[in-house]
C-alpha atoms as a PDB file:
ATOM      1  CA  UNK A   1      -1.214  38.427 -33.033  1.00  0.00           C
ATOM      2  CA  UNK A   2       2.217  39.206 -31.555  1.00  0.00           C
ATOM      3  CA  UNK A   3       0.625  39.874 -28.162  1.00  0.00           C
ATOM      4  CA  UNK A   4      -1.165  36.525 -28.312  1.00  0.00           C
ATOM      5  CA  UNK A   5       2.089  34.732 -29.155  1.00  0.00           C
ATOM      6  CA  UNK A   6       3.781  36.387 -26.191  1.00  0.00           C
ATOM      7  CA  UNK A   7       0.993  35.191 -23.876  1.00  0.00           C
ATOM      8  CA  UNK A   8       1.174  31.646 -25.248  1.00  0.00           C
ATOM      9  CA  UNK A   9       4.963  31.599 -24.820  1.00  0.00           C
ATOM     10  CA  UNK A  10       4.682  32.930 -21.272  1.00  0.00           C
ATOM     11  CA  UNK A  11       2.117  30.287 -20.342  1.00  0.00           C
ATOM     12  CA  UNK A  12       4.328  27.570 -21.840  1.00  0.00           C
ATOM     13  CA  UNK A  13       7.316  28.722 -19.819  1.00  0.00           C
ATOM     14  CA  UNK A  14       5.266  28.877 -16.629  1.00  0.00           C
ATOM     15  CA  UNK A  15       3.960  25.349 -17.212  1.00  0.00           C
ATOM     16  CA  UNK A  16       7.544  24.119 -17.608  1.00  0.00           C
ATOM     17  CA  UNK A  17       8.741  25.530 -14.277  1.00  0.00           C
ATOM     18  CA  UNK A  18       7.692  22.536 -12.094  1.00  0.00           C
ATOM     19  CA  UNK A  19       9.529  20.132 -14.406  1.00  0.00           C
ATOM     20  CA  UNK A  20      12.617  22.332 -14.461  1.00  0.00           C
ATOM     21  CA  UNK A  21      12.505  22.683 -10.665  1.00  0.00           C
ATOM     22  CA  UNK A  22      12.906  18.926 -10.095  1.00  0.00           C
ATOM     23  CA  UNK A  23      16.589  18.511  -9.265  1.00  0.00           C
ATOM     24  CA  UNK A  24      18.644  15.428 -10.044  1.00  0.00           C
ATOM     25  CA  UNK A  25      18.959  14.477  -6.395  1.00  0.00           C
ATOM     26  CA  UNK A  26      15.163  14.326  -6.057  1.00  0.00           C
ATOM     27  CA  UNK A  27      14.765  11.614  -8.690  1.00  0.00           C
ATOM     28  CA  UNK A  28      14.876   7.840  -8.328  1.00  0.00           C
ATOM     29  CA  UNK A  29      15.762   6.532 -11.804  1.00  0.00           C
ATOM     30  CA  UNK A  30      15.476   2.861 -12.658  1.00  0.00           C
ATOM     31  CA  UNK A  31      18.781   1.004 -12.554  1.00  0.00           C
ATOM     32  CA  UNK A  32      20.554   0.261 -15.827  1.00  0.00           C
ATOM     33  CA  UNK A  33      20.093  -3.358 -16.935  1.00  0.00           C
ATOM     34  CA  UNK A  34      22.717  -5.756 -15.651  1.00  0.00           C
ATOM     35  CA  UNK A  35      24.965  -7.398 -18.251  1.00  0.00           C
ATOM     36  CA  UNK A  36      24.859 -11.169 -18.589  1.00  0.00           C
ATOM     37  CA  UNK A  37      26.600 -12.775 -15.618  1.00  0.00           C
ATOM     38  CA  UNK A  38      29.406 -15.281 -16.052  1.00  0.00           C
ATOM     39  CA  UNK A  39      28.080 -17.180 -13.051  1.00  0.00           C
ATOM     40  CA  UNK A  40      25.060 -16.990 -10.753  1.00  0.00           C
ATOM     41  CA  UNK A  41      23.863 -19.138  -7.900  1.00  0.00           C
ATOM     42  CA  UNK A  42      23.123 -19.345  -4.217  1.00  0.00           C
ATOM     43  CA  UNK A  43      25.759 -20.060  -1.598  1.00  0.00           C
ATOM     44  CA  UNK A  44      24.880 -21.917   1.616  1.00  0.00           C
ATOM     45  CA  UNK A  45      26.182 -19.556   4.324  1.00  0.00           C
ATOM     46  CA  UNK A  46      25.292 -19.344   8.027  1.00  0.00           C
ATOM     47  CA  UNK A  47      22.022 -21.217   7.635  1.00  0.00           C
ATOM     48  CA  UNK A  48      20.715 -19.244   4.642  1.00  0.00           C
ATOM     49  CA  UNK A  49      20.977 -19.399   0.853  1.00  0.00           C
ATOM     50  CA  UNK A  50      22.718 -16.248  -0.378  1.00  0.00           C
ATOM     51  CA  UNK A  51      22.205 -15.156  -3.985  1.00  0.00           C
ATOM     52  CA  UNK A  52      25.273 -14.001  -5.919  1.00  0.00           C
ATOM     53  CA  UNK A  53      26.419 -13.214  -9.445  1.00  0.00           C
ATOM     54  CA  UNK A  54      29.920 -12.865 -10.910  1.00  0.00           C
ATOM     55  CA  UNK A  55      30.925 -10.773 -13.935  1.00  0.00           C
ATOM     56  CA  UNK A  56      34.175 -10.186 -15.818  1.00  0.00           C
ATOM     57  CA  UNK A  57      37.762 -10.859 -14.791  1.00  0.00           C
ATOM     58  CA  UNK A  58      40.559  -8.987 -13.066  1.00  0.00           C
ATOM     59  CA  UNK A  59      41.057  -7.648  -9.527  1.00  0.00           C
ATOM     60  CA  UNK A  60      37.909  -8.476  -7.514  1.00  0.00           C
ATOM     61  CA  UNK A  61      35.336  -5.901  -6.427  1.00  0.00           C
ATOM     62  CA  UNK A  62      32.378  -6.821  -4.207  1.00  0.00           C
ATOM     63  CA  UNK A  63      29.328  -4.541  -4.526  1.00  0.00           C
ATOM     64  CA  UNK A  64      27.069  -4.535  -1.435  1.00  0.00           C
ATOM     65  CA  UNK A  65      23.627  -2.920  -1.673  1.00  0.00           C
ATOM     66  CA  UNK A  66      21.753  -0.981   0.984  1.00  0.00           C
ATOM     67  CA  UNK A  67      18.961  -1.955   3.355  1.00  0.00           C
ATOM     68  CA  UNK A  68      15.805  -3.349   1.684  1.00  0.00           C
ATOM     69  CA  UNK A  69      17.758  -3.330  -1.599  1.00  0.00           C
ATOM     70  CA  UNK A  70      18.850  -5.888  -4.164  1.00  0.00           C
ATOM     71  CA  UNK A  71      21.761  -6.531  -6.531  1.00  0.00           C
ATOM     72  CA  UNK A  72      20.127  -5.078  -9.654  1.00  0.00           C
ATOM     73  CA  UNK A  73      20.654  -1.533  -8.337  1.00  0.00           C
ATOM     74  CA  UNK A  74      24.297  -1.874  -9.459  1.00  0.00           C
ATOM     75  CA  UNK A  75      23.578  -2.279 -13.202  1.00  0.00           C
ATOM     76  CA  UNK A  76      25.624   0.721 -14.365  1.00  0.00           C
ATOM     77  CA  UNK A  77      28.503  -0.075 -12.006  1.00  0.00           C
ATOM     78  CA  UNK A  78      28.698  -3.733 -13.056  1.00  0.00           C
ATOM     79  CA  UNK A  79      28.719  -2.790 -16.753  1.00  0.00           C
ATOM     80  CA  UNK A  80      31.632  -0.404 -16.199  1.00  0.00           C
ATOM     81  CA  UNK A  81      33.745  -2.263 -13.648  1.00  0.00           C
ATOM     82  CA  UNK A  82      33.422  -5.730 -15.213  1.00  0.00           C
ATOM     83  CA  UNK A  83      35.470  -4.526 -18.207  1.00  0.00           C
ATOM     84  CA  UNK A  84      38.636  -5.039 -16.157  1.00  0.00           C
ATOM     85  CA  UNK A  85      37.544  -6.411 -12.770  1.00  0.00           C
ATOM     86  CA  UNK A  86      35.930  -9.525 -11.400  1.00  0.00           C
ATOM     87  CA  UNK A  87      32.719  -7.993 -10.060  1.00  0.00           C
ATOM     88  CA  UNK A  88      30.693  -9.841  -7.445  1.00  0.00           C
ATOM     89  CA  UNK A  89      27.169  -8.789  -6.583  1.00  0.00           C
ATOM     90  CA  UNK A  90      25.157 -10.481  -3.888  1.00  0.00           C
ATOM     91  CA  UNK A  91      22.000  -9.972  -1.874  1.00  0.00           C
ATOM     92  CA  UNK A  92      22.125  -9.741   1.906  1.00  0.00           C
ATOM     93  CA  UNK A  93      20.152 -12.201   4.006  1.00  0.00           C
ATOM     94  CA  UNK A  94      16.430 -11.764   3.503  1.00  0.00           C
ATOM     95  CA  UNK A  95      16.958  -9.278   0.663  1.00  0.00           C
ATOM     96  CA  UNK A  96      16.197  -9.928  -2.981  1.00  0.00           C
ATOM     97  CA  UNK A  97      16.639 -13.601  -3.867  1.00  0.00           C
ATOM     98  CA  UNK A  98      18.428 -14.551  -0.624  1.00  0.00           C
ATOM     99  CA  UNK A  99      16.660 -16.372   2.197  1.00  0.00           C
ATOM    100  CA  UNK A 100      16.692 -15.492   5.880  1.00  0.00           C
ATOM    101  CA  UNK A 101      16.128 -17.398   9.098  1.00  0.00           C
ATOM    102  CA  UNK A 102      14.981 -16.495  12.601  1.00  0.00           C
ATOM    103  CA  UNK A 103      18.447 -15.396  13.761  1.00  0.00           C
ATOM    104  CA  UNK A 104      18.385 -11.727  14.818  1.00  0.00           C
ATOM    105  CA  UNK A 105      19.974  -9.373  12.321  1.00  0.00           C
ATOM    106  CA  UNK A 106      23.305  -7.766  13.175  1.00  0.00           C
ATOM    107  CA  UNK A 107      26.022  -6.168  11.100  1.00  0.00           C
ATOM    108  CA  UNK A 108      28.490  -8.738  12.434  1.00  0.00           C
ATOM    109  CA  UNK A 109      26.235 -11.537  11.151  1.00  0.00           C
ATOM    110  CA  UNK A 110      25.742  -9.901   7.756  1.00  0.00           C
ATOM    111  CA  UNK A 111      29.489  -9.325   7.451  1.00  0.00           C
ATOM    112  CA  UNK A 112      30.033 -12.980   8.286  1.00  0.00           C
ATOM    113  CA  UNK A 113      27.631 -13.899   5.467  1.00  0.00           C
ATOM    114  CA  UNK A 114      29.667 -11.932   2.937  1.00  0.00           C
ATOM    115  CA  UNK A 115      32.970 -13.358   4.174  1.00  0.00           C
ATOM    116  CA  UNK A 116      31.523 -16.869   3.884  1.00  0.00           C
ATOM    117  CA  UNK A 117      30.422 -16.031   0.333  1.00  0.00           C
ATOM    118  CA  UNK A 118      33.957 -14.918  -0.526  1.00  0.00           C
ATOM    119  CA  UNK A 119      35.241 -18.219   0.914  1.00  0.00           C
ATOM    120  CA  UNK A 120      32.674 -20.098  -1.196  1.00  0.00           C
ATOM    121  CA  UNK A 121      33.892 -18.254  -4.305  1.00  0.00           C
ATOM    122  CA  UNK A 122      37.546 -18.774  -3.288  1.00  0.00           C
ATOM    123  CA  UNK A 123      38.318 -15.045  -3.155  1.00  0.00           C
ATOM    124  CA  UNK A 124      40.881 -14.192  -0.479  1.00  0.00           C
ATOM    125  CA  UNK A 125      40.865 -10.382  -0.731  1.00  0.00           C
ATOM    126  CA  UNK A 126      38.641  -7.883  -2.488  1.00  0.00           C
ATOM    127  CA  UNK A 127      37.786  -4.233  -2.768  1.00  0.00           C
ATOM    128  CA  UNK A 128      34.311  -3.411  -1.456  1.00  0.00           C
ATOM    129  CA  UNK A 129      31.954  -0.779  -2.789  1.00  0.00           C
ATOM    130  CA  UNK A 130      29.209  -0.530  -0.197  1.00  0.00           C
ATOM    131  CA  UNK A 131      26.123   1.637  -0.217  1.00  0.00           C
ATOM    132  CA  UNK A 132      24.264   2.491   3.032  1.00  0.00           C
ATOM    133  CA  UNK A 133      23.958  -0.835   4.921  1.00  0.00           C
ATOM    134  CA  UNK A 134      26.521  -2.150   2.436  1.00  0.00           C
ATOM    135  CA  UNK A 135      28.938   0.567   3.503  1.00  0.00           C
ATOM    136  CA  UNK A 136      28.335  -0.309   7.148  1.00  0.00           C
ATOM    137  CA  UNK A 137      29.039  -3.968   6.382  1.00  0.00           C
ATOM    138  CA  UNK A 138      32.250  -2.811   4.706  1.00  0.00           C
ATOM    139  CA  UNK A 139      33.248  -0.873   7.825  1.00  0.00           C
ATOM    140  CA  UNK A 140      32.508  -3.936   9.970  1.00  0.00           C
ATOM    141  CA  UNK A 141      34.806  -6.066   7.810  1.00  0.00           C
ATOM    142  CA  UNK A 142      37.489  -3.344   7.841  1.00  0.00           C
ATOM    143  CA  UNK A 143      37.394  -3.255  11.651  1.00  0.00           C
ATOM    144  CA  UNK A 144      37.341  -7.008  12.277  1.00  0.00           C
ATOM    145  CA  UNK A 145      38.801  -8.672   9.153  1.00  0.00           C
ATOM    146  CA  UNK A 146      41.123  -6.186   7.393  1.00  0.00           C
ATOM    147  CA  UNK A 147      43.067  -9.065   5.865  1.00  0.00           C
ATOM    148  CA  UNK A 148      40.124  -9.679   3.496  1.00  0.00           C
ATOM    149  CA  UNK A 149      40.097  -6.158   2.029  1.00  0.00           C
ATOM    150  CA  UNK A 150      42.173  -4.231  -0.475  1.00  0.00           C
ATOM    151  CA  UNK A 151      40.113  -0.999  -0.416  1.00  0.00           C
ATOM    152  CA  UNK A 152      36.767   0.194   0.933  1.00  0.00           C
ATOM    153  CA  UNK A 153      34.475   2.694  -0.820  1.00  0.00           C
ATOM    154  CA  UNK A 154      31.763   3.300   1.803  1.00  0.00           C
ATOM    155  CA  UNK A 155      28.903   5.484   0.566  1.00  0.00           C
ATOM    156  CA  UNK A 156      26.206   6.816   2.919  1.00  0.00           C
ATOM    157  CA  UNK A 157      27.403   4.739   5.862  1.00  0.00           C
ATOM    158  CA  UNK A 158      27.123   5.525   9.553  1.00  0.00           C
ATOM    159  CA  UNK A 159      28.946   4.181  12.592  1.00  0.00           C
ATOM    160  CA  UNK A 160      26.324   5.245  15.141  1.00  0.00           C
ATOM    161  CA  UNK A 161      22.545   5.524  14.873  1.00  0.00           C
ATOM    162  CA  UNK A 162      22.688   9.273  15.498  1.00  0.00           C
ATOM    163  CA  UNK A 163      24.332   9.612  12.095  1.00  0.00           C
ATOM    164  CA  UNK A 164      20.892   9.074  10.548  1.00  0.00           C
ATOM    165  CA  UNK A 165      18.869  12.211   9.749  1.00  0.00           C
ATOM    166  CA  UNK A 166      15.707  12.023  11.918  1.00  0.00           C
ATOM    167  CA  UNK A 167      13.379  13.224   9.142  1.00  0.00           C
ATOM    168  CA  UNK A 168      14.500  10.669   6.555  1.00  0.00           C
ATOM    169  CA  UNK A 169      11.162   8.827   6.520  1.00  0.00           C
ATOM    170  CA  UNK A 170       9.380  12.066   5.615  1.00  0.00           C
ATOM    171  CA  UNK A 171      11.448  12.447   2.446  1.00  0.00           C
ATOM    172  CA  UNK A 172       9.533  11.703  -0.783  1.00  0.00           C
ATOM    173  CA  UNK A 173      12.508  10.209  -2.634  1.00  0.00           C
ATOM    174  CA  UNK A 174      13.309   7.882   0.243  1.00  0.00           C
ATOM    175  CA  UNK A 175       9.643   6.889   0.562  1.00  0.00           C
ATOM    176  CA  UNK A 176       9.594   6.084  -3.164  1.00  0.00           C
ATOM    177  CA  UNK A 177      12.626   3.838  -2.694  1.00  0.00           C
ATOM    178  CA  UNK A 178      10.951   1.894   0.132  1.00  0.00           C
ATOM    179  CA  UNK A 179       7.814   1.444  -1.968  1.00  0.00           C
ATOM    180  CA  UNK A 180       9.797   0.267  -4.985  1.00  0.00           C
ATOM    181  CA  UNK A 181      11.842  -2.118  -2.817  1.00  0.00           C
ATOM    182  CA  UNK A 182       8.630  -3.714  -1.559  1.00  0.00           C
ATOM    183  CA  UNK A 183       7.378  -4.221  -5.113  1.00  0.00           C
ATOM    184  CA  UNK A 184      10.645  -5.842  -6.198  1.00  0.00           C
ATOM    185  CA  UNK A 185      10.641  -8.066  -3.099  1.00  0.00           C
ATOM    186  CA  UNK A 186       7.237  -9.478  -4.053  1.00  0.00           C
ATOM    187  CA  UNK A 187       8.559 -10.345  -7.516  1.00  0.00           C
ATOM    188  CA  UNK A 188      11.928 -11.956  -6.724  1.00  0.00           C
ATOM    189  CA  UNK A 189      11.990 -13.079  -3.077  1.00  0.00           C
ATOM    190  CA  UNK A 190      11.684 -16.782  -2.186  1.00  0.00           C
ATOM    191  CA  UNK A 191       9.193 -15.580   0.478  1.00  0.00           C
ATOM    192  CA  UNK A 192       7.216 -12.969  -1.492  1.00  0.00           C
ATOM    193  CA  UNK A 193       4.451 -12.514   1.087  1.00  0.00           C
ATOM    194  CA  UNK A 194       6.811 -11.820   4.019  1.00  0.00           C
ATOM    195  CA  UNK A 195       8.025  -8.278   3.252  1.00  0.00           C
ATOM    196  CA  UNK A 196       6.476  -6.766   6.382  1.00  0.00           C
ATOM    197  CA  UNK A 197       7.946  -9.499   8.588  1.00  0.00           C
ATOM    198  CA  UNK A 198      11.347  -9.015   6.979  1.00  0.00           C
ATOM    199  CA  UNK A 199      11.210  -5.228   7.498  1.00  0.00           C
ATOM    200  CA  UNK A 200      10.245  -5.724  11.140  1.00  0.00           C
ATOM    201  CA  UNK A 201      13.133  -8.140  11.662  1.00  0.00           C
ATOM    202  CA  UNK A 202      15.793  -5.879  10.171  1.00  0.00           C
ATOM    203  CA  UNK A 203      14.309  -2.758  11.824  1.00  0.00           C
ATOM    204  CA  UNK A 204      15.142  -4.294  15.193  1.00  0.00           C
ATOM    205  CA  UNK A 205      18.808  -4.083  14.177  1.00  0.00           C
ATOM    206  CA  UNK A 206      18.533  -0.507  12.907  1.00  0.00           C
ATOM    207  CA  UNK A 207      17.139   0.607  16.276  1.00  0.00           C
ATOM    208  CA  UNK A 208      20.484   0.032  17.995  1.00  0.00           C
ATOM    209  CA  UNK A 209      23.156  -0.668  15.362  1.00  0.00           C
ATOM    210  CA  UNK A 210      25.759   0.187  14.304  1.00  0.00           C
ATOM    211  CA  UNK A 211      27.367   1.470  17.475  1.00  0.00           C
ATOM    212  CA  UNK A 212      31.137   1.632  17.085  1.00  0.00           C
ATOM    213  CA  UNK A 213      33.462   3.700  19.246  1.00  0.00           C
ATOM    214  CA  UNK A 214      36.169   6.054  18.034  1.00  0.00           C
ATOM    215  CA  UNK A 215      38.658   3.378  19.062  1.00  0.00           C
ATOM    216  CA  UNK A 216      36.956   0.843  16.778  1.00  0.00           C
ATOM    217  CA  UNK A 217      37.159   3.212  13.818  1.00  0.00           C
ATOM    218  CA  UNK A 218      40.797   4.049  14.563  1.00  0.00           C
ATOM    219  CA  UNK A 219      41.654   0.345  14.156  1.00  0.00           C
ATOM    220  CA  UNK A 220      40.874   0.524  10.440  1.00  0.00           C
ATOM    221  CA  UNK A 221      43.994   0.129   8.326  1.00  0.00           C
ATOM    222  CA  UNK A 222      42.313  -0.549   4.968  1.00  0.00           C
ATOM    223  CA  UNK A 223      42.512   2.401   2.537  1.00  0.00           C
ATOM    224  CA  UNK A 224      39.003   3.826   2.936  1.00  0.00           C
ATOM    225  CA  UNK A 225      36.876   6.393   1.126  1.00  0.00           C
ATOM    226  CA  UNK A 226      33.969   7.873   3.061  1.00  0.00           C
ATOM    227  CA  UNK A 227      31.456   8.996   0.454  1.00  0.00           C
ATOM    228  CA  UNK A 228      28.230  11.018   0.553  1.00  0.00           C
ATOM    229  CA  UNK A 229      25.897  12.665  -1.917  1.00  0.00           C
ATOM    230  CA  UNK A 230      25.685  16.383  -1.168  1.00  0.00           C
ATOM    231  CA  UNK A 231      21.879  16.079  -0.797  1.00  0.00           C
ATOM    232  CA  UNK A 232      21.735  12.760   1.085  1.00  0.00           C
ATOM    233  CA  UNK A 233      18.346  12.294   2.770  1.00  0.00           C
ATOM    234  CA  UNK A 234      19.447   9.685   5.296  1.00  0.00           C
ATOM    235  CA  UNK A 235      23.000  10.324   6.534  1.00  0.00           C
ATOM    236  CA  UNK A 236      24.151  13.685   7.852  1.00  0.00           C
ATOM    237  CA  UNK A 237      27.151  15.531   6.454  1.00  0.00           C
ATOM    238  CA  UNK A 238      28.405  16.152   9.998  1.00  0.00           C
ATOM    239  CA  UNK A 239      28.514  12.419  10.704  1.00  0.00           C
ATOM    240  CA  UNK A 240      30.223  11.756   7.377  1.00  0.00           C
ATOM    241  CA  UNK A 241      32.888  14.343   8.209  1.00  0.00           C
ATOM    242  CA  UNK A 242      33.318  12.667  11.595  1.00  0.00           C
ATOM    243  CA  UNK A 243      33.901   9.260   9.977  1.00  0.00           C
ATOM    244  CA  UNK A 244      36.415  10.672   7.516  1.00  0.00           C
ATOM    245  CA  UNK A 245      38.352  12.475  10.247  1.00  0.00           C
ATOM    246  CA  UNK A 246      38.352   9.514  12.657  1.00  0.00           C
ATOM    247  CA  UNK A 247      39.316   6.646  10.323  1.00  0.00           C
ATOM    248  CA  UNK A 248      43.090   6.883   9.793  1.00  0.00           C
ATOM    249  CA  UNK A 249      43.948   8.220   6.349  1.00  0.00           C
ATOM    250  CA  UNK A 250      40.349   8.128   5.109  1.00  0.00           C
ATOM    251  CA  UNK A 251      39.485  10.110   1.983  1.00  0.00           C
ATOM    252  CA  UNK A 252      36.300  12.208   2.010  1.00  0.00           C
ATOM    253  CA  UNK A 253      34.387  12.194  -1.293  1.00  0.00           C
ATOM    254  CA  UNK A 254      31.277  14.342  -1.768  1.00  0.00           C
ATOM    255  CA  UNK A 255      29.217  13.464  -4.847  1.00  0.00           C
ATOM    256  CA  UNK A 256      27.738  16.579  -6.425  1.00  0.00           C
ATOM    257  CA  UNK A 257      23.986  16.988  -6.989  1.00  0.00           C
ATOM    258  CA  UNK A 258      23.119  13.509  -5.705  1.00  0.00           C
ATOM    259  CA  UNK A 259      21.374  11.997  -2.717  1.00  0.00           C
ATOM    260  CA  UNK A 260      21.368   8.609  -0.978  1.00  0.00           C
ATOM    261  CA  UNK A 261      20.794   7.073  -4.418  1.00  0.00           C
ATOM    262  CA  UNK A 262      23.830   8.529  -6.175  1.00  0.00           C
ATOM    263  CA  UNK A 263      24.631   5.360  -8.159  1.00  0.00           C
ATOM    264  CA  UNK A 264      21.248   5.732  -9.907  1.00  0.00           C
ATOM    265  CA  UNK A 265      21.159   9.520 -10.210  1.00  0.00           C
ATOM    266  CA  UNK A 266      24.673   9.995 -11.616  1.00  0.00           C
ATOM    267  CA  UNK A 267      26.032   6.600 -12.677  1.00  0.00           C
ATOM    268  CA  UNK A 268      28.847   8.071 -14.771  1.00  0.00           C
ATOM    269  CA  UNK A 269      30.081  10.313 -11.959  1.00  0.00           C
ATOM    270  CA  UNK A 270      29.677   7.493  -9.428  1.00  0.00           C
ATOM    271  CA  UNK A 271      31.669   5.056 -11.561  1.00  0.00           C
ATOM    272  CA  UNK A 272      34.462   7.606 -11.979  1.00  0.00           C
ATOM    273  CA  UNK A 273      34.617   8.183  -8.209  1.00  0.00           C
ATOM    274  CA  UNK A 274      34.813   4.413  -7.594  1.00  0.00           C
ATOM    275  CA  UNK A 275      37.517   3.874 -10.192  1.00  0.00           C
ATOM    276  CA  UNK A 276      39.559   6.881  -9.092  1.00  0.00           C
ATOM    277  CA  UNK A 277      39.681   5.334  -5.620  1.00  0.00           C
ATOM    278  CA  UNK A 278      39.913   1.558  -6.066  1.00  0.00           C
ATOM    279  CA  UNK A 279      42.241   1.590  -9.066  1.00  0.00           C
ATOM    280  CA  UNK A 280      44.900   3.878  -7.593  1.00  0.00           C
END
């Protein structure tokens, strides 16, 4: 009987190994639900209608999602930051509930959209927490319109296309994100049948942008954090180190046991990193 129990226990432990082997950075958890917004709407900017939502009160923080993403990814961050900040979420042109037009995508154009949204909301200066494309948009604003920023927390951003890891599209977690983004698009976009056309349009930008020189990065005067998950699938650590060493005074933050999707995988740790930077 004891021998049989030992065999059963051994088989149970062996069956548990695959589950135990799945590391946090390999998961893609659903976002926490967003709290009720104080205000939502669409702003007419640069020939599109840009979706936004505003939560809480206090010093403003603008959260900018990544490529193919949408505002709901920030649920845990909005719940935390809106306790003592005015938190603005929005969706970039063509993403989520925002419309797009035929104008070619560029980071300058997308930055202009967000600045026009801030004008619409009568916000002169804000901190930005940007993820992936959102971090790149933050860098664009820091280079060209530093007067609009208080601080920049740029996670998984790149300044040149060679900062992207070539095998990113082969990564299962990243592939799951793209699939989920397509499903959400069909549910909330004003043009639910145009996901492929939208991806094609924005991919034309990704083929050549961003492409900033060292001199461009050295112009940045905004207090900046360059942030990366230690298992990021998309942006290389070498490029992240380059950004942090080239932008004057930049702080390098490496988020432990997370990937490109750190805000979902470790929301508590992510929120602490944001607060430790933007509130000091």
